[in-house]
Amino acid sequence: MQIVRRRRTVTTGKVSLERVYAVTDLTAEQADAAEIAHHVREHWGIENKIHHVRDTTFAEDGSRVRTGSAPRTMAALRNPAIGALHLTGCDNIAAGLRKHGRDAARPPSASRDQTGQTF
């Protein structure tokens, strides 16, 4: 299938087109265009959510680690840290990292701050 993405730059009003191609094992009877578009958007929603957490919490986009396999290795180390905090019910990854970074001997556990927010 071909997916055409249109983007408009807010400041200039310029519209750009990007064409990407994808392969699926679904037949036309199994999924129509709207359903396939939903799956594509859902995939990118998950991807953007994970990237957003890594970038805002670990400043991944600003990292100076750029050569070889180092960027992928650092992402592979950050993902389990985020996952472990999620498993403890942590809603705010940055707060959870601050809390558990203070005492490396303490295992992660769900905690609540004064407002009742889990971190």
N, C-alpha and C. Protein backbone atom coordinates (compact mmCIF):
# COMPACT_ATOMS: atom_id res chain seq x y z
N MET A 1 0.84 -1.17 0.00
CA MET A 1 0.00 0.00 0.00
C MET A 1 0.88 1.23 0.00
N GLN A 2 0.33 2.31 -0.43
CA GLN A 2 1.02 3.59 -0.42
C GLN A 2 0.29 4.52 0.55
N ILE A 3 1.07 5.16 1.40
CA ILE A 3 0.51 6.13 2.34
C ILE A 3 1.08 7.49 1.96
N VAL A 4 0.19 8.46 1.76
CA VAL A 4 0.62 9.82 1.43
C VAL A 4 0.36 10.69 2.64
N ARG A 5 1.42 11.31 3.13
CA ARG A 5 1.31 12.19 4.28
C ARG A 5 1.49 13.63 3.83
N ARG A 6 0.56 14.47 4.26
CA ARG A 6 0.65 15.89 3.96
C ARG A 6 0.96 16.64 5.23
N ARG A 7 1.95 17.52 5.16
CA ARG A 7 2.31 18.35 6.31
C ARG A 7 2.29 19.80 5.90
N ARG A 8 1.74 20.63 6.78
CA ARG A 8 1.74 22.06 6.52
C ARG A 8 2.51 22.75 7.63
N THR A 9 3.52 23.53 7.23
CA THR A 9 4.30 24.31 8.18
C THR A 9 3.46 25.51 8.59
N VAL A 10 3.22 25.64 9.88
CA VAL A 10 2.34 26.68 10.39
C VAL A 10 2.86 28.07 10.05
N THR A 11 4.15 28.30 10.23
CA THR A 11 4.70 29.65 10.04
C THR A 11 4.71 30.09 8.58
N THR A 12 4.99 29.15 7.67
CA THR A 12 5.08 29.53 6.25
C THR A 12 3.86 29.15 5.44
N GLY A 13 3.09 28.20 5.95
CA GLY A 13 1.93 27.72 5.20
C GLY A 13 2.31 26.73 4.10
N LYS A 14 3.58 26.43 3.96
CA LYS A 14 4.05 25.52 2.92
C LYS A 14 3.58 24.09 3.21
N VAL A 15 3.08 23.42 2.17
CA VAL A 15 2.61 22.04 2.29
C VAL A 15 3.64 21.12 1.64
N SER A 16 4.01 20.06 2.35
CA SER A 16 4.93 19.08 1.78
C SER A 16 4.25 17.72 1.78
N LEU A 17 4.59 16.91 0.80
CA LEU A 17 4.04 15.56 0.67
C LEU A 17 5.14 14.54 0.89
N GLU A 18 4.80 13.47 1.56
CA GLU A 18 5.72 12.35 1.75
C GLU A 18 4.96 11.08 1.39
N ARG A 19 5.56 10.26 0.56
CA ARG A 19 4.95 8.98 0.20
C ARG A 19 5.78 7.86 0.81
N VAL A 20 5.10 6.99 1.57
CA VAL A 20 5.75 5.83 2.15
C VAL A 20 4.97 4.59 1.73
N TYR A 21 5.63 3.47 1.75
CA TYR A 21 5.01 2.22 1.32
C TYR A 21 5.04 1.22 2.47
N ALA A 22 4.01 0.42 2.56
CA ALA A 22 3.90 -0.58 3.62
C ALA A 22 3.36 -1.87 3.04
N VAL A 23 3.66 -2.95 3.72
CA VAL A 23 3.18 -4.28 3.31
C VAL A 23 2.39 -4.86 4.46
N THR A 24 1.28 -5.48 4.15
CA THR A 24 0.47 -6.14 5.16
C THR A 24 0.00 -7.49 4.61
N ASP A 25 -0.31 -8.40 5.51
CA ASP A 25 -0.84 -9.69 5.07
C ASP A 25 -2.37 -9.71 5.10
N LEU A 26 -2.98 -8.56 5.42
CA LEU A 26 -4.44 -8.46 5.43
C LEU A 26 -4.97 -8.31 4.01
N THR A 27 -6.08 -8.96 3.74
CA THR A 27 -6.72 -8.81 2.44
C THR A 27 -7.68 -7.63 2.50
N ALA A 28 -8.19 -7.22 1.34
CA ALA A 28 -9.14 -6.11 1.28
C ALA A 28 -10.41 -6.44 2.07
N GLU A 29 -10.77 -7.72 2.14
CA GLU A 29 -11.95 -8.13 2.90
C GLU A 29 -11.69 -8.07 4.41
N GLN A 30 -10.44 -8.26 4.82
CA GLN A 30 -10.11 -8.26 6.24
C GLN A 30 -9.97 -6.85 6.81
N ALA A 31 -9.52 -5.92 6.01
CA ALA A 31 -9.32 -4.55 6.50
C ALA A 31 -9.46 -3.56 5.35
N ASP A 32 -10.33 -2.58 5.54
CA ASP A 32 -10.47 -1.55 4.53
C ASP A 32 -9.45 -0.44 4.81
N ALA A 33 -9.45 0.58 3.97
CA ALA A 33 -8.45 1.65 4.07
C ALA A 33 -8.53 2.36 5.42
N ALA A 34 -9.75 2.59 5.92
CA ALA A 34 -9.90 3.29 7.20
C ALA A 34 -9.32 2.47 8.35
N GLU A 35 -9.50 1.16 8.33
CA GLU A 35 -8.97 0.32 9.39
C GLU A 35 -7.44 0.26 9.34
N ILE A 36 -6.89 0.17 8.15
CA ILE A 36 -5.43 0.15 8.00
C ILE A 36 -4.86 1.49 8.47
N ALA A 37 -5.51 2.60 8.11
CA ALA A 37 -5.06 3.91 8.56
C ALA A 37 -5.09 4.00 10.08
N HIS A 38 -6.11 3.42 10.69
CA HIS A 38 -6.20 3.40 12.16
C HIS A 38 -5.00 2.65 12.76
N HIS A 39 -4.64 1.50 12.20
CA HIS A 39 -3.51 0.73 12.70
C HIS A 39 -2.20 1.49 12.55
N VAL A 40 -2.03 2.19 11.42
CA VAL A 40 -0.81 2.97 11.19
C VAL A 40 -0.71 4.09 12.21
N ARG A 41 -1.81 4.82 12.44
CA ARG A 41 -1.81 5.90 13.43
C ARG A 41 -1.56 5.38 14.84
N GLU A 42 -2.15 4.22 15.15
CA GLU A 42 -1.95 3.62 16.47
C GLU A 42 -0.48 3.27 16.68
N HIS A 43 0.16 2.71 15.67
CA HIS A 43 1.58 2.36 15.75
C HIS A 43 2.41 3.61 16.04
N TRP A 44 2.16 4.67 15.30
CA TRP A 44 2.95 5.89 15.49
C TRP A 44 2.62 6.57 16.80
N GLY A 45 1.41 6.42 17.30
CA GLY A 45 1.06 6.97 18.61
C GLY A 45 1.90 6.33 19.71
N ILE A 46 2.05 5.00 19.64
CA ILE A 46 2.88 4.29 20.60
C ILE A 46 4.34 4.71 20.45
N GLU A 47 4.81 4.75 19.22
CA GLU A 47 6.20 5.13 18.95
C GLU A 47 6.49 6.54 19.47
N ASN A 48 5.59 7.47 19.19
CA ASN A 48 5.79 8.85 19.64
C ASN A 48 5.74 8.96 21.16
N LYS A 49 4.88 8.18 21.80
CA LYS A 49 4.76 8.23 23.25
C LYS A 49 6.06 7.77 23.91
N ILE A 50 6.62 6.67 23.43
CA ILE A 50 7.88 6.16 23.99
C ILE A 50 9.00 7.14 23.73
N HIS A 51 9.08 7.66 22.51
CA HIS A 51 10.15 8.61 22.19
C HIS A 51 10.01 9.87 23.03
N HIS A 52 8.80 10.33 23.21
CA HIS A 52 8.57 11.55 23.99
C HIS A 52 9.09 11.38 25.41
N VAL A 53 8.81 10.25 26.04
CA VAL A 53 9.28 10.02 27.41
C VAL A 53 10.80 9.99 27.43
N ARG A 54 11.41 9.26 26.50
CA ARG A 54 12.87 9.17 26.49
C ARG A 54 13.49 10.53 26.22
N ASP A 55 12.88 11.32 25.35
CA ASP A 55 13.47 12.62 25.02
C ASP A 55 13.28 13.63 26.15
N THR A 56 12.10 13.70 26.73
CA THR A 56 11.88 14.70 27.76
C THR A 56 12.55 14.33 29.07
N THR A 57 12.60 13.05 29.41
CA THR A 57 13.17 12.63 30.68
C THR A 57 14.69 12.47 30.61
N PHE A 58 15.17 11.89 29.52
CA PHE A 58 16.60 11.62 29.39
C PHE A 58 17.31 12.56 28.42
N ALA A 59 16.58 13.55 27.85
CA ALA A 59 17.14 14.49 26.87
C ALA A 59 17.85 13.76 25.75
N GLU A 60 17.19 12.73 25.23
CA GLU A 60 17.81 11.86 24.24
C GLU A 60 18.17 12.59 22.94
N ASP A 61 17.31 13.51 22.50
CA ASP A 61 17.61 14.23 21.26
C ASP A 61 18.83 15.14 21.41
N GLY A 62 19.09 15.61 22.61
CA GLY A 62 20.23 16.48 22.85
C GLY A 62 21.50 15.73 23.22
N SER A 63 21.42 14.41 23.26
CA SER A 63 22.57 13.61 23.67
C SER A 63 23.73 13.76 22.70
N ARG A 64 24.93 13.75 23.23
CA ARG A 64 26.14 13.84 22.41
C ARG A 64 26.60 12.45 21.95
N VAL A 65 25.91 11.41 22.41
CA VAL A 65 26.23 10.03 22.01
C VAL A 65 25.61 9.80 20.64
N ARG A 66 26.44 9.78 19.59
CA ARG A 66 25.88 9.72 18.24
C ARG A 66 26.55 8.72 17.31
N THR A 67 27.63 8.07 17.73
CA THR A 67 28.37 7.24 16.79
C THR A 67 28.23 5.76 17.12
N GLY A 68 28.37 4.96 16.08
CA GLY A 68 28.34 3.51 16.24
C GLY A 68 27.01 3.03 16.81
N SER A 69 27.12 2.05 17.67
CA SER A 69 25.91 1.47 18.27
C SER A 69 25.56 2.12 19.61
N ALA A 70 26.30 3.14 20.01
CA ALA A 70 26.07 3.78 21.31
C ALA A 70 24.66 4.34 21.48
N PRO A 71 24.08 5.05 20.47
CA PRO A 71 22.71 5.56 20.67
C PRO A 71 21.70 4.44 20.90
N ARG A 72 21.83 3.37 20.15
CA ARG A 72 20.90 2.24 20.30
C ARG A 72 21.11 1.56 21.66
N THR A 73 22.35 1.46 22.08
CA THR A 73 22.65 0.85 23.38
C THR A 73 22.06 1.68 24.51
N MET A 74 22.21 3.00 24.43
CA MET A 74 21.65 3.86 25.47
C MET A 74 20.13 3.76 25.51
N ALA A 75 19.48 3.71 24.35
CA ALA A 75 18.02 3.55 24.31
C ALA A 75 17.63 2.20 24.91
N ALA A 76 18.43 1.16 24.62
CA ALA A 76 18.15 -0.17 25.16
C ALA A 76 18.30 -0.20 26.68
N LEU A 77 19.14 0.64 27.24
CA LEU A 77 19.28 0.73 28.69
C LEU A 77 18.17 1.57 29.32
N ARG A 78 17.73 2.58 28.60
CA ARG A 78 16.68 3.46 29.14
C ARG A 78 15.32 2.78 29.13
N ASN A 79 15.04 1.98 28.11
CA ASN A 79 13.72 1.34 28.00
C ASN A 79 13.38 0.46 29.20
N PRO A 80 14.29 -0.42 29.68
CA PRO A 80 13.94 -1.21 30.86
C PRO A 80 13.75 -0.35 32.12
N ALA A 81 14.50 0.74 32.22
CA ALA A 81 14.32 1.64 33.37
C ALA A 81 12.90 2.22 33.35
N ILE A 82 12.47 2.66 32.19
CA ILE A 82 11.11 3.20 32.05
C ILE A 82 10.09 2.11 32.33
N GLY A 83 10.33 0.92 31.79
CA GLY A 83 9.41 -0.21 32.00
C GLY A 83 9.30 -0.60 33.46
N ALA A 84 10.43 -0.64 34.17
CA ALA A 84 10.41 -0.99 35.59
C ALA A 84 9.60 0.03 36.39
N LEU A 85 9.76 1.30 36.07
CA LEU A 85 8.99 2.32 36.77
C LEU A 85 7.50 2.22 36.44
N HIS A 86 7.18 1.90 35.18
CA HIS A 86 5.77 1.71 34.81
C HIS A 86 5.16 0.53 35.58
N LEU A 87 5.93 -0.54 35.74
CA LEU A 87 5.43 -1.72 36.45
C LEU A 87 5.12 -1.43 37.91
N THR A 88 5.80 -0.47 38.49
CA THR A 88 5.52 -0.10 39.89
C THR A 88 4.38 0.89 40.00
N GLY A 89 3.77 1.25 38.87
CA GLY A 89 2.66 2.18 38.89
C GLY A 89 3.08 3.63 38.80
N CYS A 90 4.30 3.86 38.40
CA CYS A 90 4.85 5.21 38.31
C CYS A 90 4.20 5.96 37.15
N ASP A 91 3.55 7.08 37.45
CA ASP A 91 2.93 7.90 36.41
C ASP A 91 3.90 8.94 35.87
N ASN A 92 4.83 9.37 36.69
CA ASN A 92 5.78 10.41 36.31
C ASN A 92 7.18 9.81 36.34
N ILE A 93 7.72 9.51 35.16
CA ILE A 93 9.01 8.82 35.06
C ILE A 93 10.13 9.68 35.65
N ALA A 94 10.12 10.98 35.39
CA ALA A 94 11.17 11.85 35.91
C ALA A 94 11.18 11.84 37.44
N ALA A 95 10.00 11.93 38.07
CA ALA A 95 9.92 11.90 39.52
C ALA A 95 10.37 10.55 40.06
N GLY A 96 10.00 9.48 39.39
CA GLY A 96 10.43 8.14 39.80
C GLY A 96 11.93 7.98 39.73
N LEU A 97 12.54 8.51 38.67
CA LEU A 97 14.00 8.44 38.55
C LEU A 97 14.68 9.24 39.64
N ARG A 98 14.14 10.42 39.96
CA ARG A 98 14.74 11.22 41.03
C ARG A 98 14.65 10.48 42.37
N LYS A 99 13.49 9.91 42.64
CA LYS A 99 13.29 9.21 43.91
C LYS A 99 14.24 8.02 44.04
N HIS A 100 14.30 7.18 43.03
CA HIS A 100 15.10 5.96 43.12
C HIS A 100 16.58 6.23 42.88
N GLY A 101 16.91 7.37 42.32
CA GLY A 101 18.31 7.71 42.12
C GLY A 101 18.99 8.12 43.41
N ARG A 102 18.20 8.51 44.39
CA ARG A 102 18.77 8.94 45.67
C ARG A 102 19.33 7.77 46.48
N ASP A 103 18.72 6.59 46.35
CA ASP A 103 19.14 5.43 47.13
C ASP A 103 19.16 4.22 46.21
N ALA A 104 20.30 3.91 45.66
CA ALA A 104 20.42 2.81 44.69
C ALA A 104 20.15 1.46 45.32
N ALA A 105 20.24 1.33 46.63
CA ALA A 105 20.00 0.05 47.29
C ALA A 105 18.51 -0.24 47.47
N ARG A 106 17.68 0.78 47.37
CA ARG A 106 16.25 0.60 47.56
C ARG A 106 15.61 0.11 46.26
N PRO A 107 14.88 -1.00 46.28
CA PRO A 107 14.23 -1.48 45.06
C PRO A 107 13.06 -0.58 44.68
N PRO A 108 12.73 -0.47 43.39
CA PRO A 108 11.59 0.35 42.96
C PRO A 108 10.29 -0.14 43.57
N SER A 109 9.47 0.77 44.02
CA SER A 109 8.15 0.45 44.53
C SER A 109 7.25 1.64 44.26
N ALA A 110 5.96 1.38 44.21
CA ALA A 110 5.01 2.46 43.98
C ALA A 110 4.99 3.37 45.19
N SER A 111 5.05 4.66 44.95
CA SER A 111 5.00 5.65 46.02
C SER A 111 4.09 6.78 45.60
N ARG A 112 3.59 7.51 46.59
CA ARG A 112 2.73 8.66 46.31
C ARG A 112 3.34 9.89 46.96
N ASP A 113 3.23 11.02 46.24
CA ASP A 113 3.72 12.27 46.82
C ASP A 113 2.60 12.90 47.65
N GLN A 114 2.82 14.15 48.10
CA GLN A 114 1.86 14.81 48.97
C GLN A 114 0.52 15.07 48.28
N THR A 115 0.53 15.17 46.95
CA THR A 115 -0.72 15.40 46.22
C THR A 115 -1.46 14.12 45.92
N GLY A 116 -0.84 12.97 46.22
CA GLY A 116 -1.47 11.68 45.94
C GLY A 116 -1.08 11.09 44.60
N GLN A 117 -0.24 11.81 43.83
CA GLN A 117 0.18 11.31 42.52
C GLN A 117 1.18 10.18 42.70
N THR A 118 0.98 9.09 41.94
CA THR A 118 1.91 7.97 41.99
C THR A 118 3.15 8.30 41.21
N PHE A 119 4.32 8.01 41.80
CA PHE A 119 5.59 8.19 41.08
C PHE A 119 6.52 7.07 41.41
